[in-house]
Amino acid sequence: MTEYRKVHDEVEAVSGGRAVLVAVSKLHPYDAVLEAYADGARIFGENRVQEIESKFPLPDQRPEGMEVYLIGQLQRNKVKKAVALVSRIESVDSMALIEKIEYEAGKIGKTIDVLLELNSSGEEQKAGFRSSDELFEAAGYIMSSCPHIRLRGVMTVGPLGYDSDKNRKAFAVTKDAFDRISSLSPDIDVLSMGMSADWKEALEAGSNEVRIGTAIFGERQ
């Protein structure tokens, strides 16, 4: 059995009910997804388009209320499938990717939600826009030129390796960037920070969406 209900209740208590819990089901079988769904989970996070395609039914065939978010880095050659399979892309990290998402969403007449990813720790091996200025420029471009993209907010992944001080600094940088772009529209209301090891610190910093996998599903196969 999954630990979804336990984790959900803890997130509710710590956040005062303001945070959404995304159950990160990557590398876990669909049977585990259905167990978590039975416990109340409705939003599932996956890293790879190929895994979504092979594991989940098509969107109109999924259980009622089940949503799948892409939370891993998206390659441009996978955008067409991603746009058709998910309700939100949480890892938009370049202008080129924005343009491709708009093109593919427009072809099928779909408006898709996205989060802009900020590389809040400045680590070279990590994806994401490198500064608040880049993020703000991307947000403005989406709002002026991309009718098939609905910008919902900002996402970050904490620094590699657990370090409480570094986490808090990265989360504070992301919160500042979110505050800046959220002034552009009331639709920009999602600040996605925090995973199994650091979600409490993320909530303290202002996150209203946490992405938790291991604590819910156990170690990945």
N, C-alpha and C. Protein backbone atom coordinates (compact mmCIF):
# COMPACT_ATOMS: atom_id res chain seq x y z
N MET A 1 0.84 -1.20 0.00
CA MET A 1 0.00 0.00 0.00
C MET A 1 0.87 1.26 0.00
N THR A 2 0.37 2.29 -0.62
CA THR A 2 1.10 3.55 -0.63
C THR A 2 0.84 4.32 0.67
N GLU A 3 1.65 5.34 0.89
CA GLU A 3 1.52 6.18 2.08
C GLU A 3 0.89 7.53 1.71
N TYR A 4 0.09 7.55 0.66
CA TYR A 4 -0.43 8.83 0.19
C TYR A 4 -1.23 9.55 1.26
N ARG A 5 -2.14 8.87 1.91
CA ARG A 5 -3.01 9.54 2.87
C ARG A 5 -2.20 10.13 4.02
N LYS A 6 -1.22 9.39 4.50
CA LYS A 6 -0.38 9.88 5.59
C LYS A 6 0.38 11.14 5.17
N VAL A 7 1.01 11.08 3.98
CA VAL A 7 1.77 12.23 3.50
C VAL A 7 0.84 13.41 3.24
N HIS A 8 -0.29 13.16 2.63
CA HIS A 8 -1.26 14.22 2.35
C HIS A 8 -1.66 14.94 3.63
N ASP A 9 -1.97 14.17 4.67
CA ASP A 9 -2.43 14.79 5.92
C ASP A 9 -1.32 15.61 6.57
N GLU A 10 -0.07 15.14 6.42
CA GLU A 10 1.04 15.89 7.00
C GLU A 10 1.26 17.20 6.23
N VAL A 11 1.19 17.14 4.92
CA VAL A 11 1.32 18.35 4.11
C VAL A 11 0.19 19.34 4.43
N GLU A 12 -1.01 18.82 4.58
CA GLU A 12 -2.15 19.67 4.95
C GLU A 12 -1.90 20.37 6.27
N ALA A 13 -1.38 19.62 7.25
CA ALA A 13 -1.15 20.19 8.58
C ALA A 13 -0.07 21.26 8.55
N VAL A 14 1.02 20.98 7.88
CA VAL A 14 2.15 21.92 7.86
C VAL A 14 1.80 23.18 7.06
N SER A 15 1.05 23.00 5.96
CA SER A 15 0.76 24.13 5.09
C SER A 15 -0.52 24.88 5.46
N GLY A 16 -1.24 24.36 6.43
CA GLY A 16 -2.52 24.97 6.76
C GLY A 16 -3.55 24.79 5.66
N GLY A 17 -3.38 23.73 4.87
CA GLY A 17 -4.33 23.42 3.82
C GLY A 17 -4.15 24.18 2.53
N ARG A 18 -3.05 24.94 2.39
CA ARG A 18 -2.89 25.77 1.18
C ARG A 18 -2.06 25.10 0.09
N ALA A 19 -1.42 23.96 0.40
CA ALA A 19 -0.52 23.35 -0.57
C ALA A 19 -1.14 22.14 -1.26
N VAL A 20 -0.89 22.03 -2.56
CA VAL A 20 -1.31 20.88 -3.35
C VAL A 20 -0.19 19.84 -3.33
N LEU A 21 -0.58 18.58 -3.21
CA LEU A 21 0.39 17.48 -3.20
C LEU A 21 0.36 16.77 -4.55
N VAL A 22 1.49 16.76 -5.23
CA VAL A 22 1.65 15.99 -6.46
C VAL A 22 2.35 14.69 -6.10
N ALA A 23 1.72 13.57 -6.40
CA ALA A 23 2.29 12.26 -6.10
C ALA A 23 3.20 11.85 -7.26
N VAL A 24 4.50 11.83 -7.01
CA VAL A 24 5.47 11.56 -8.07
C VAL A 24 5.60 10.05 -8.25
N SER A 25 5.02 9.57 -9.35
CA SER A 25 4.88 8.13 -9.56
C SER A 25 5.90 7.57 -10.54
N LYS A 26 6.89 8.36 -10.91
CA LYS A 26 7.87 7.89 -11.90
C LYS A 26 8.55 6.61 -11.42
N LEU A 27 8.69 5.67 -12.35
CA LEU A 27 9.33 4.37 -12.13
C LEU A 27 8.55 3.46 -11.19
N HIS A 28 7.31 3.84 -10.89
CA HIS A 28 6.43 2.96 -10.13
C HIS A 28 5.31 2.48 -11.05
N PRO A 29 4.82 1.27 -10.86
CA PRO A 29 3.82 0.71 -11.78
C PRO A 29 2.46 1.38 -11.65
N TYR A 30 1.64 1.19 -12.67
CA TYR A 30 0.31 1.79 -12.67
C TYR A 30 -0.54 1.25 -11.53
N ASP A 31 -0.31 0.01 -11.09
CA ASP A 31 -1.03 -0.52 -9.93
C ASP A 31 -0.82 0.35 -8.71
N ALA A 32 0.42 0.86 -8.54
CA ALA A 32 0.70 1.75 -7.40
C ALA A 32 -0.01 3.09 -7.57
N VAL A 33 -0.09 3.56 -8.80
CA VAL A 33 -0.84 4.79 -9.09
C VAL A 33 -2.30 4.61 -8.67
N LEU A 34 -2.88 3.48 -9.03
CA LEU A 34 -4.28 3.23 -8.70
C LEU A 34 -4.49 3.08 -7.20
N GLU A 35 -3.51 2.53 -6.49
CA GLU A 35 -3.62 2.46 -5.02
C GLU A 35 -3.65 3.86 -4.42
N ALA A 36 -2.76 4.71 -4.90
CA ALA A 36 -2.74 6.09 -4.40
C ALA A 36 -4.02 6.82 -4.78
N TYR A 37 -4.52 6.57 -5.98
CA TYR A 37 -5.78 7.17 -6.41
C TYR A 37 -6.91 6.76 -5.46
N ALA A 38 -6.94 5.49 -5.09
CA ALA A 38 -7.97 5.01 -4.16
C ALA A 38 -7.86 5.68 -2.80
N ASP A 39 -6.64 6.11 -2.44
CA ASP A 39 -6.42 6.81 -1.17
C ASP A 39 -6.68 8.31 -1.28
N GLY A 40 -7.03 8.79 -2.48
CA GLY A 40 -7.38 10.19 -2.63
C GLY A 40 -6.49 10.99 -3.55
N ALA A 41 -5.39 10.41 -4.04
CA ALA A 41 -4.50 11.15 -4.94
C ALA A 41 -5.20 11.40 -6.28
N ARG A 42 -5.01 12.58 -6.81
CA ARG A 42 -5.59 12.89 -8.11
C ARG A 42 -4.55 13.43 -9.09
N ILE A 43 -3.44 13.97 -8.58
CA ILE A 43 -2.42 14.55 -9.45
C ILE A 43 -1.15 13.72 -9.33
N PHE A 44 -0.65 13.27 -10.47
CA PHE A 44 0.53 12.42 -10.51
C PHE A 44 1.61 13.08 -11.36
N GLY A 45 2.84 13.05 -10.86
CA GLY A 45 3.96 13.65 -11.55
C GLY A 45 4.85 12.59 -12.17
N GLU A 46 5.21 12.81 -13.42
CA GLU A 46 6.09 11.89 -14.14
C GLU A 46 7.22 12.67 -14.80
N ASN A 47 8.37 12.01 -14.93
CA ASN A 47 9.56 12.66 -15.48
C ASN A 47 9.72 12.50 -16.99
N ARG A 48 9.19 11.42 -17.54
CA ARG A 48 9.48 11.10 -18.93
C ARG A 48 8.20 10.87 -19.72
N VAL A 49 8.16 11.48 -20.90
CA VAL A 49 6.99 11.33 -21.76
C VAL A 49 6.78 9.87 -22.13
N GLN A 50 7.88 9.15 -22.38
CA GLN A 50 7.76 7.74 -22.78
C GLN A 50 7.08 6.92 -21.70
N GLU A 51 7.38 7.21 -20.45
CA GLU A 51 6.77 6.45 -19.36
C GLU A 51 5.29 6.78 -19.23
N ILE A 52 4.93 8.02 -19.39
CA ILE A 52 3.51 8.39 -19.36
C ILE A 52 2.76 7.63 -20.45
N GLU A 53 3.34 7.63 -21.64
CA GLU A 53 2.70 6.99 -22.78
C GLU A 53 2.50 5.50 -22.55
N SER A 54 3.47 4.84 -21.95
CA SER A 54 3.39 3.39 -21.78
C SER A 54 2.62 2.98 -20.53
N LYS A 55 2.52 3.86 -19.54
CA LYS A 55 1.95 3.47 -18.25
C LYS A 55 0.49 3.89 -18.08
N PHE A 56 0.15 5.09 -18.51
CA PHE A 56 -1.18 5.63 -18.25
C PHE A 56 -2.11 5.42 -19.44
N PRO A 57 -3.40 5.24 -19.18
CA PRO A 57 -4.37 5.28 -20.29
C PRO A 57 -4.36 6.67 -20.92
N LEU A 58 -4.96 6.78 -22.10
CA LEU A 58 -5.11 8.09 -22.72
C LEU A 58 -5.96 8.99 -21.80
N PRO A 59 -5.79 10.30 -21.91
CA PRO A 59 -6.49 11.21 -20.97
C PRO A 59 -7.98 10.96 -20.83
N ASP A 60 -8.68 10.69 -21.92
CA ASP A 60 -10.13 10.50 -21.83
C ASP A 60 -10.52 9.12 -21.32
N GLN A 61 -9.53 8.28 -21.04
CA GLN A 61 -9.80 6.94 -20.52
C GLN A 61 -9.31 6.75 -19.08
N ARG A 62 -8.77 7.81 -18.50
CA ARG A 62 -8.26 7.72 -17.12
C ARG A 62 -9.41 7.81 -16.12
N PRO A 63 -9.18 7.31 -14.90
CA PRO A 63 -10.21 7.45 -13.86
C PRO A 63 -10.60 8.91 -13.66
N GLU A 64 -11.80 9.13 -13.22
CA GLU A 64 -12.34 10.49 -13.07
C GLU A 64 -11.43 11.34 -12.18
N GLY A 65 -11.07 12.51 -12.69
CA GLY A 65 -10.29 13.45 -11.90
C GLY A 65 -8.80 13.23 -11.92
N MET A 66 -8.32 12.15 -12.52
CA MET A 66 -6.88 11.87 -12.54
C MET A 66 -6.19 12.81 -13.53
N GLU A 67 -5.15 13.49 -13.04
CA GLU A 67 -4.35 14.36 -13.88
C GLU A 67 -2.90 13.91 -13.84
N VAL A 68 -2.21 14.10 -14.94
CA VAL A 68 -0.78 13.79 -15.02
C VAL A 68 -0.03 15.05 -15.39
N TYR A 69 0.98 15.38 -14.58
CA TYR A 69 1.85 16.53 -14.85
C TYR A 69 3.22 16.01 -15.28
N LEU A 70 3.81 16.64 -16.26
CA LEU A 70 5.20 16.35 -16.60
C LEU A 70 6.09 17.25 -15.76
N ILE A 71 6.93 16.63 -14.93
CA ILE A 71 7.78 17.41 -14.02
C ILE A 71 9.26 17.29 -14.37
N GLY A 72 9.60 16.42 -15.33
CA GLY A 72 10.98 16.26 -15.74
C GLY A 72 11.31 17.09 -16.96
N GLN A 73 12.58 17.18 -17.26
CA GLN A 73 13.03 17.99 -18.40
C GLN A 73 12.42 17.45 -19.69
N LEU A 74 11.94 18.35 -20.51
CA LEU A 74 11.24 17.99 -21.74
C LEU A 74 12.10 18.32 -22.95
N GLN A 75 12.36 17.30 -23.77
CA GLN A 75 13.07 17.52 -25.02
C GLN A 75 12.09 17.98 -26.08
N ARG A 76 12.55 18.82 -26.98
CA ARG A 76 11.65 19.39 -27.97
C ARG A 76 11.03 18.33 -28.88
N ASN A 77 11.76 17.23 -29.12
CA ASN A 77 11.18 16.19 -29.99
C ASN A 77 10.10 15.37 -29.30
N LYS A 78 9.87 15.64 -28.01
CA LYS A 78 8.81 14.94 -27.26
C LYS A 78 7.63 15.85 -26.95
N VAL A 79 7.69 17.10 -27.41
CA VAL A 79 6.65 18.07 -27.05
C VAL A 79 5.29 17.67 -27.60
N LYS A 80 5.24 17.21 -28.83
CA LYS A 80 3.96 16.85 -29.45
C LYS A 80 3.21 15.84 -28.59
N LYS A 81 3.91 14.79 -28.15
CA LYS A 81 3.27 13.77 -27.31
C LYS A 81 2.92 14.33 -25.94
N ALA A 82 3.82 15.12 -25.38
CA ALA A 82 3.58 15.68 -24.04
C ALA A 82 2.32 16.53 -24.02
N VAL A 83 2.16 17.38 -25.01
CA VAL A 83 1.00 18.27 -25.05
C VAL A 83 -0.30 17.47 -25.09
N ALA A 84 -0.28 16.34 -25.78
CA ALA A 84 -1.48 15.52 -25.90
C ALA A 84 -1.76 14.70 -24.64
N LEU A 85 -0.72 14.37 -23.87
CA LEU A 85 -0.86 13.40 -22.78
C LEU A 85 -1.01 14.01 -21.39
N VAL A 86 -0.57 15.25 -21.19
CA VAL A 86 -0.57 15.81 -19.84
C VAL A 86 -1.41 17.08 -19.78
N SER A 87 -1.80 17.44 -18.56
CA SER A 87 -2.56 18.67 -18.37
C SER A 87 -1.69 19.84 -17.94
N ARG A 88 -0.44 19.52 -17.53
CA ARG A 88 0.48 20.61 -17.16
C ARG A 88 1.91 20.16 -17.41
N ILE A 89 2.72 21.09 -17.95
CA ILE A 89 4.15 20.88 -18.09
C ILE A 89 4.83 21.80 -17.08
N GLU A 90 5.50 21.20 -16.11
CA GLU A 90 6.04 21.98 -14.99
C GLU A 90 7.53 22.27 -15.13
N SER A 91 8.09 22.01 -16.28
CA SER A 91 9.55 22.09 -16.40
C SER A 91 9.95 22.85 -17.66
N VAL A 92 9.28 23.97 -17.92
CA VAL A 92 9.58 24.77 -19.11
C VAL A 92 10.80 25.63 -18.82
N ASP A 93 11.87 25.39 -19.59
CA ASP A 93 13.15 25.97 -19.21
C ASP A 93 13.85 26.77 -20.31
N SER A 94 13.15 27.06 -21.42
CA SER A 94 13.78 27.84 -22.47
C SER A 94 12.74 28.47 -23.37
N MET A 95 13.14 29.53 -24.07
CA MET A 95 12.24 30.17 -25.02
C MET A 95 11.94 29.23 -26.19
N ALA A 96 12.94 28.46 -26.61
CA ALA A 96 12.72 27.52 -27.72
C ALA A 96 11.65 26.50 -27.36
N LEU A 97 11.66 26.04 -26.12
CA LEU A 97 10.66 25.07 -25.68
C LEU A 97 9.27 25.71 -25.64
N ILE A 98 9.19 26.93 -25.19
CA ILE A 98 7.92 27.65 -25.17
C ILE A 98 7.34 27.74 -26.58
N GLU A 99 8.17 28.10 -27.52
CA GLU A 99 7.70 28.23 -28.92
C GLU A 99 7.19 26.89 -29.45
N LYS A 100 7.88 25.81 -29.13
CA LYS A 100 7.47 24.49 -29.60
C LYS A 100 6.17 24.05 -28.95
N ILE A 101 6.01 24.31 -27.66
CA ILE A 101 4.76 23.96 -26.97
C ILE A 101 3.59 24.73 -27.58
N GLU A 102 3.77 26.01 -27.82
CA GLU A 102 2.71 26.82 -28.43
C GLU A 102 2.33 26.26 -29.81
N TYR A 103 3.31 25.90 -30.59
CA TYR A 103 3.06 25.36 -31.93
C TYR A 103 2.26 24.07 -31.86
N GLU A 104 2.69 23.13 -31.02
CA GLU A 104 2.03 21.82 -30.95
C GLU A 104 0.65 21.92 -30.31
N ALA A 105 0.51 22.76 -29.29
CA ALA A 105 -0.80 22.94 -28.67
C ALA A 105 -1.78 23.59 -29.65
N GLY A 106 -1.28 24.54 -30.42
CA GLY A 106 -2.13 25.19 -31.40
C GLY A 106 -2.64 24.23 -32.46
N LYS A 107 -1.80 23.27 -32.85
CA LYS A 107 -2.20 22.31 -33.88
C LYS A 107 -3.39 21.46 -33.45
N ILE A 108 -3.51 21.18 -32.14
CA ILE A 108 -4.62 20.35 -31.68
C ILE A 108 -5.69 21.16 -30.95
N GLY A 109 -5.55 22.48 -30.98
CA GLY A 109 -6.55 23.34 -30.38
C GLY A 109 -6.65 23.21 -28.87
N LYS A 110 -5.53 22.99 -28.22
CA LYS A 110 -5.51 22.79 -26.77
C LYS A 110 -4.78 23.95 -26.10
N THR A 111 -5.29 24.37 -24.96
CA THR A 111 -4.56 25.32 -24.13
C THR A 111 -3.97 24.55 -22.95
N ILE A 112 -2.66 24.61 -22.80
CA ILE A 112 -1.99 23.80 -21.80
C ILE A 112 -1.35 24.68 -20.73
N ASP A 113 -1.46 24.24 -19.48
CA ASP A 113 -0.86 24.95 -18.36
C ASP A 113 0.63 24.65 -18.30
N VAL A 114 1.43 25.65 -17.95
CA VAL A 114 2.86 25.45 -17.77
C VAL A 114 3.35 26.19 -16.53
N LEU A 115 4.45 25.68 -16.00
CA LEU A 115 5.25 26.40 -15.01
C LEU A 115 6.61 26.67 -15.63
N LEU A 116 7.19 27.80 -15.32
CA LEU A 116 8.55 28.11 -15.74
C LEU A 116 9.51 27.63 -14.67
N GLU A 117 10.55 26.92 -15.10
CA GLU A 117 11.52 26.37 -14.15
C GLU A 117 12.68 27.33 -13.96
N LEU A 118 12.98 27.64 -12.70
CA LEU A 118 14.11 28.50 -12.36
C LEU A 118 15.24 27.65 -11.81
N ASN A 119 16.43 27.83 -12.34
CA ASN A 119 17.62 27.19 -11.76
C ASN A 119 18.07 28.06 -10.59
N SER A 120 17.47 27.81 -9.45
CA SER A 120 17.63 28.70 -8.30
C SER A 120 18.96 28.53 -7.58
N SER A 121 19.66 27.43 -7.85
CA SER A 121 20.93 27.19 -7.16
C SER A 121 22.14 27.48 -8.04
N GLY A 122 21.90 27.77 -9.32
CA GLY A 122 23.00 28.10 -10.21
C GLY A 122 23.90 26.94 -10.57
N GLU A 123 23.42 25.72 -10.38
CA GLU A 123 24.24 24.55 -10.68
C GLU A 123 24.23 24.30 -12.19
N GLU A 124 25.41 24.11 -12.76
CA GLU A 124 25.55 24.01 -14.21
C GLU A 124 24.83 22.79 -14.77
N GLN A 125 24.78 21.70 -14.00
CA GLN A 125 24.19 20.47 -14.51
C GLN A 125 22.67 20.46 -14.45
N LYS A 126 22.07 21.51 -13.92
CA LYS A 126 20.61 21.56 -13.78
C LYS A 126 19.97 22.45 -14.84
N ALA A 127 18.75 22.08 -15.21
CA ALA A 127 18.00 22.84 -16.18
C ALA A 127 17.35 24.05 -15.51
N GLY A 128 16.76 24.90 -16.34
CA GLY A 128 16.00 26.03 -15.80
C GLY A 128 16.54 27.37 -16.27
N PHE A 129 15.66 28.37 -16.27
CA PHE A 129 16.10 29.72 -16.53
C PHE A 129 17.09 30.15 -15.44
N ARG A 130 18.05 30.95 -15.82
CA ARG A 130 19.18 31.24 -14.92
C ARG A 130 18.95 32.45 -14.02
N SER A 131 17.93 33.23 -14.29
CA SER A 131 17.73 34.44 -13.49
C SER A 131 16.27 34.84 -13.49
N SER A 132 15.94 35.70 -12.54
CA SER A 132 14.59 36.25 -12.48
C SER A 132 14.28 37.07 -13.73
N ASP A 133 15.30 37.75 -14.28
CA ASP A 133 15.08 38.56 -15.49
C ASP A 133 14.70 37.67 -16.67
N GLU A 134 15.41 36.54 -16.83
CA GLU A 134 15.07 35.60 -17.92
C GLU A 134 13.66 35.06 -17.74
N LEU A 135 13.32 34.74 -16.50
CA LEU A 135 11.99 34.21 -16.20
C LEU A 135 10.91 35.24 -16.55
N PHE A 136 11.16 36.49 -16.19
CA PHE A 136 10.19 37.55 -16.44
C PHE A 136 10.02 37.78 -17.94
N GLU A 137 11.11 37.71 -18.68
CA GLU A 137 11.04 37.87 -20.14
C GLU A 137 10.21 36.74 -20.75
N ALA A 138 10.44 35.51 -20.28
CA ALA A 138 9.68 34.36 -20.80
C ALA A 138 8.21 34.49 -20.46
N ALA A 139 7.91 34.94 -19.25
CA ALA A 139 6.52 35.13 -18.85
C ALA A 139 5.82 36.15 -19.74
N GLY A 140 6.50 37.25 -19.99
CA GLY A 140 5.91 38.27 -20.85
C GLY A 140 5.67 37.77 -22.26
N TYR A 141 6.59 36.96 -22.77
CA TYR A 141 6.42 36.41 -24.12
C TYR A 141 5.21 35.49 -24.18
N ILE A 142 5.06 34.62 -23.19
CA ILE A 142 3.90 33.72 -23.16
C ILE A 142 2.61 34.52 -23.16
N MET A 143 2.55 35.53 -22.34
CA MET A 143 1.29 36.26 -22.18
C MET A 143 0.96 37.11 -23.41
N SER A 144 1.98 37.52 -24.14
CA SER A 144 1.71 38.37 -25.31
C SER A 144 1.60 37.60 -26.61
N SER A 145 2.22 36.42 -26.69
CA SER A 145 2.37 35.76 -27.98
C SER A 145 1.95 34.29 -28.02
N CYS A 146 1.46 33.73 -26.93
CA CYS A 146 1.19 32.29 -26.88
C CYS A 146 -0.24 32.02 -26.38
N PRO A 147 -1.22 32.11 -27.27
CA PRO A 147 -2.61 31.94 -26.84
C PRO A 147 -2.96 30.52 -26.41
N HIS A 148 -2.10 29.55 -26.74
CA HIS A 148 -2.39 28.16 -26.37
C HIS A 148 -1.60 27.71 -25.15
N ILE A 149 -0.94 28.65 -24.47
CA ILE A 149 -0.24 28.35 -23.23
C ILE A 149 -0.82 29.23 -22.13
N ARG A 150 -1.15 28.61 -21.00
CA ARG A 150 -1.59 29.36 -19.83
C ARG A 150 -0.50 29.26 -18.77
N LEU A 151 0.15 30.37 -18.52
CA LEU A 151 1.22 30.40 -17.52
C LEU A 151 0.61 30.37 -16.13
N ARG A 152 0.99 29.34 -15.35
CA ARG A 152 0.42 29.18 -14.02
C ARG A 152 1.39 29.48 -12.88
N GLY A 153 2.70 29.51 -13.17
CA GLY A 153 3.60 29.80 -12.07
C GLY A 153 5.03 29.40 -12.32
N VAL A 154 5.72 29.11 -11.21
CA VAL A 154 7.17 28.87 -11.22
C VAL A 154 7.48 27.59 -10.46
N MET A 155 8.48 26.88 -10.95
CA MET A 155 8.95 25.66 -10.30
C MET A 155 10.46 25.70 -10.12
N THR A 156 10.94 25.07 -9.05
CA THR A 156 12.38 24.86 -8.92
C THR A 156 12.64 23.52 -8.26
N VAL A 157 13.84 23.01 -8.50
CA VAL A 157 14.35 21.82 -7.81
C VAL A 157 15.46 22.30 -6.89
N GLY A 158 15.39 21.90 -5.63
CA GLY A 158 16.39 22.33 -4.66
C GLY A 158 17.79 21.87 -5.03
N PRO A 159 18.82 22.41 -4.38
CA PRO A 159 20.21 22.05 -4.68
C PRO A 159 20.45 20.55 -4.54
N LEU A 160 21.36 20.05 -5.35
CA LEU A 160 21.74 18.64 -5.26
C LEU A 160 22.39 18.36 -3.91
N GLY A 161 22.01 17.24 -3.27
CA GLY A 161 22.52 16.94 -1.94
C GLY A 161 21.77 17.78 -0.92
N TYR A 162 21.46 17.20 0.22
CA TYR A 162 20.64 17.93 1.18
C TYR A 162 21.50 18.88 2.01
N ASP A 163 21.17 20.16 1.95
CA ASP A 163 21.81 21.18 2.76
C ASP A 163 20.74 22.21 3.10
N SER A 164 20.36 22.28 4.36
CA SER A 164 19.23 23.10 4.77
C SER A 164 19.42 24.57 4.40
N ASP A 165 20.61 25.10 4.64
CA ASP A 165 20.85 26.51 4.36
C ASP A 165 20.77 26.80 2.86
N LYS A 166 21.37 25.91 2.05
CA LYS A 166 21.33 26.10 0.60
C LYS A 166 19.89 25.97 0.08
N ASN A 167 19.14 25.03 0.66
CA ASN A 167 17.74 24.88 0.26
C ASN A 167 16.97 26.17 0.51
N ARG A 168 17.10 26.70 1.70
CA ARG A 168 16.35 27.90 2.05
C ARG A 168 16.72 29.08 1.15
N LYS A 169 18.01 29.19 0.82
CA LYS A 169 18.43 30.27 -0.06
C LYS A 169 17.82 30.12 -1.45
N ALA A 170 17.86 28.89 -1.98
CA ALA A 170 17.30 28.64 -3.32
C ALA A 170 15.79 28.87 -3.33
N PHE A 171 15.12 28.45 -2.28
CA PHE A 171 13.68 28.63 -2.23
C PHE A 171 13.31 30.11 -2.09
N ALA A 172 14.12 30.86 -1.36
CA ALA A 172 13.85 32.30 -1.22
C ALA A 172 14.03 33.02 -2.56
N VAL A 173 15.05 32.63 -3.32
CA VAL A 173 15.27 33.21 -4.65
C VAL A 173 14.07 32.92 -5.56
N THR A 174 13.57 31.70 -5.48
CA THR A 174 12.44 31.32 -6.32
C THR A 174 11.18 32.05 -5.91
N LYS A 175 10.98 32.20 -4.61
CA LYS A 175 9.80 32.93 -4.13
C LYS A 175 9.84 34.38 -4.62
N ASP A 176 11.00 34.99 -4.60
CA ASP A 176 11.12 36.37 -5.10
C ASP A 176 10.77 36.45 -6.58
N ALA A 177 11.26 35.46 -7.36
CA ALA A 177 10.96 35.44 -8.79
C ALA A 177 9.47 35.23 -9.03
N PHE A 178 8.87 34.34 -8.25
CA PHE A 178 7.44 34.10 -8.36
C PHE A 178 6.64 35.36 -8.05
N ASP A 179 7.00 36.04 -6.99
CA ASP A 179 6.30 37.27 -6.62
C ASP A 179 6.37 38.29 -7.75
N ARG A 180 7.49 38.32 -8.44
CA ARG A 180 7.66 39.29 -9.52
C ARG A 180 6.74 38.97 -10.70
N ILE A 181 6.70 37.70 -11.12
CA ILE A 181 5.89 37.40 -12.32
C ILE A 181 4.41 37.22 -11.98
N SER A 182 4.10 36.88 -10.73
CA SER A 182 2.69 36.69 -10.39
C SER A 182 1.92 38.00 -10.43
N SER A 183 2.64 39.12 -10.41
CA SER A 183 1.98 40.42 -10.52
C SER A 183 1.41 40.65 -11.91
N LEU A 184 1.81 39.81 -12.88
CA LEU A 184 1.36 39.99 -14.26
C LEU A 184 -0.07 39.51 -14.49
N SER A 185 -0.52 38.53 -13.68
CA SER A 185 -1.85 37.95 -13.91
C SER A 185 -2.30 37.17 -12.69
N PRO A 186 -3.60 37.21 -12.36
CA PRO A 186 -4.11 36.40 -11.26
C PRO A 186 -4.04 34.90 -11.55
N ASP A 187 -3.87 34.52 -12.82
CA ASP A 187 -3.73 33.10 -13.17
C ASP A 187 -2.39 32.53 -12.71
N ILE A 188 -1.42 33.38 -12.47
CA ILE A 188 -0.08 32.92 -12.08
C ILE A 188 -0.07 32.77 -10.56
N ASP A 189 -0.45 31.57 -10.11
CA ASP A 189 -0.69 31.38 -8.68
C ASP A 189 -0.03 30.12 -8.10
N VAL A 190 0.84 29.46 -8.88
CA VAL A 190 1.45 28.21 -8.42
C VAL A 190 2.95 28.41 -8.20
N LEU A 191 3.40 28.12 -7.00
CA LEU A 191 4.82 28.12 -6.67
C LEU A 191 5.17 26.70 -6.23
N SER A 192 5.81 25.96 -7.13
CA SER A 192 6.06 24.53 -6.91
C SER A 192 7.51 24.33 -6.45
N MET A 193 7.67 24.06 -5.16
CA MET A 193 8.99 23.81 -4.59
C MET A 193 8.83 22.73 -3.51
N GLY A 194 9.82 21.86 -3.44
CA GLY A 194 9.84 20.88 -2.37
C GLY A 194 9.55 19.46 -2.83
N MET A 195 10.43 18.55 -2.39
CA MET A 195 10.27 17.14 -2.68
C MET A 195 10.37 16.36 -1.36
N SER A 196 10.56 15.05 -1.44
CA SER A 196 10.47 14.23 -0.22
C SER A 196 11.40 14.70 0.89
N ALA A 197 12.62 15.16 0.54
CA ALA A 197 13.60 15.50 1.57
C ALA A 197 13.47 16.93 2.09
N ASP A 198 12.87 17.83 1.30
CA ASP A 198 12.94 19.25 1.68
C ASP A 198 11.60 19.97 1.61
N TRP A 199 10.51 19.23 1.58
CA TRP A 199 9.21 19.89 1.36
C TRP A 199 8.81 20.80 2.51
N LYS A 200 9.21 20.47 3.74
CA LYS A 200 8.84 21.34 4.86
C LYS A 200 9.52 22.70 4.74
N GLU A 201 10.79 22.70 4.37
CA GLU A 201 11.50 23.97 4.17
C GLU A 201 10.87 24.76 3.03
N ALA A 202 10.45 24.04 1.98
CA ALA A 202 9.82 24.71 0.84
C ALA A 202 8.51 25.37 1.25
N LEU A 203 7.72 24.67 2.05
CA LEU A 203 6.46 25.27 2.52
C LEU A 203 6.72 26.50 3.38
N GLU A 204 7.73 26.44 4.21
CA GLU A 204 8.09 27.59 5.04
C GLU A 204 8.45 28.80 4.16
N ALA A 205 9.03 28.53 3.00
CA ALA A 205 9.46 29.59 2.09
C ALA A 205 8.33 30.12 1.21
N GLY A 206 7.15 29.47 1.27
CA GLY A 206 6.01 29.97 0.51
C GLY A 206 5.48 29.06 -0.57
N SER A 207 6.05 27.88 -0.72
CA SER A 207 5.56 26.95 -1.74
C SER A 207 4.08 26.63 -1.50
N ASN A 208 3.34 26.45 -2.59
CA ASN A 208 1.96 25.99 -2.46
C ASN A 208 1.70 24.73 -3.31
N GLU A 209 2.80 24.11 -3.75
CA GLU A 209 2.73 22.79 -4.39
C GLU A 209 4.01 22.04 -4.09
N VAL A 210 3.88 20.82 -3.59
CA VAL A 210 5.05 19.98 -3.33
C VAL A 210 4.95 18.71 -4.16
N ARG A 211 6.10 18.20 -4.59
CA ARG A 211 6.17 17.04 -5.46
C ARG A 211 6.87 15.91 -4.69
N ILE A 212 6.11 14.95 -4.23
CA ILE A 212 6.65 13.94 -3.32
C ILE A 212 6.45 12.55 -3.91
N GLY A 213 7.54 11.79 -3.98
CA GLY A 213 7.48 10.45 -4.54
C GLY A 213 7.84 9.36 -3.55
N THR A 214 9.08 9.36 -3.09
CA THR A 214 9.59 8.27 -2.24
C THR A 214 8.76 8.11 -0.98
N ALA A 215 8.40 9.20 -0.34
CA ALA A 215 7.64 9.11 0.92
C ALA A 215 6.25 8.49 0.69
N ILE A 216 5.75 8.57 -0.53
CA ILE A 216 4.44 8.00 -0.85
C ILE A 216 4.55 6.57 -1.36
N PHE A 217 5.44 6.37 -2.31
CA PHE A 217 5.49 5.08 -3.03
C PHE A 217 6.64 4.17 -2.58
N GLY A 218 7.55 4.70 -1.76
CA GLY A 218 8.73 3.92 -1.40
C GLY A 218 9.85 4.10 -2.41
N GLU A 219 10.94 3.38 -2.21
CA GLU A 219 12.08 3.49 -3.11
C GLU A 219 11.69 3.00 -4.51
N ARG A 220 12.26 3.67 -5.51
CA ARG A 220 11.95 3.30 -6.89
C ARG A 220 12.68 2.04 -7.30
N GLN A 221 12.05 1.30 -8.18
CA GLN A 221 12.66 0.07 -8.68
C GLN A 221 13.75 0.39 -9.67
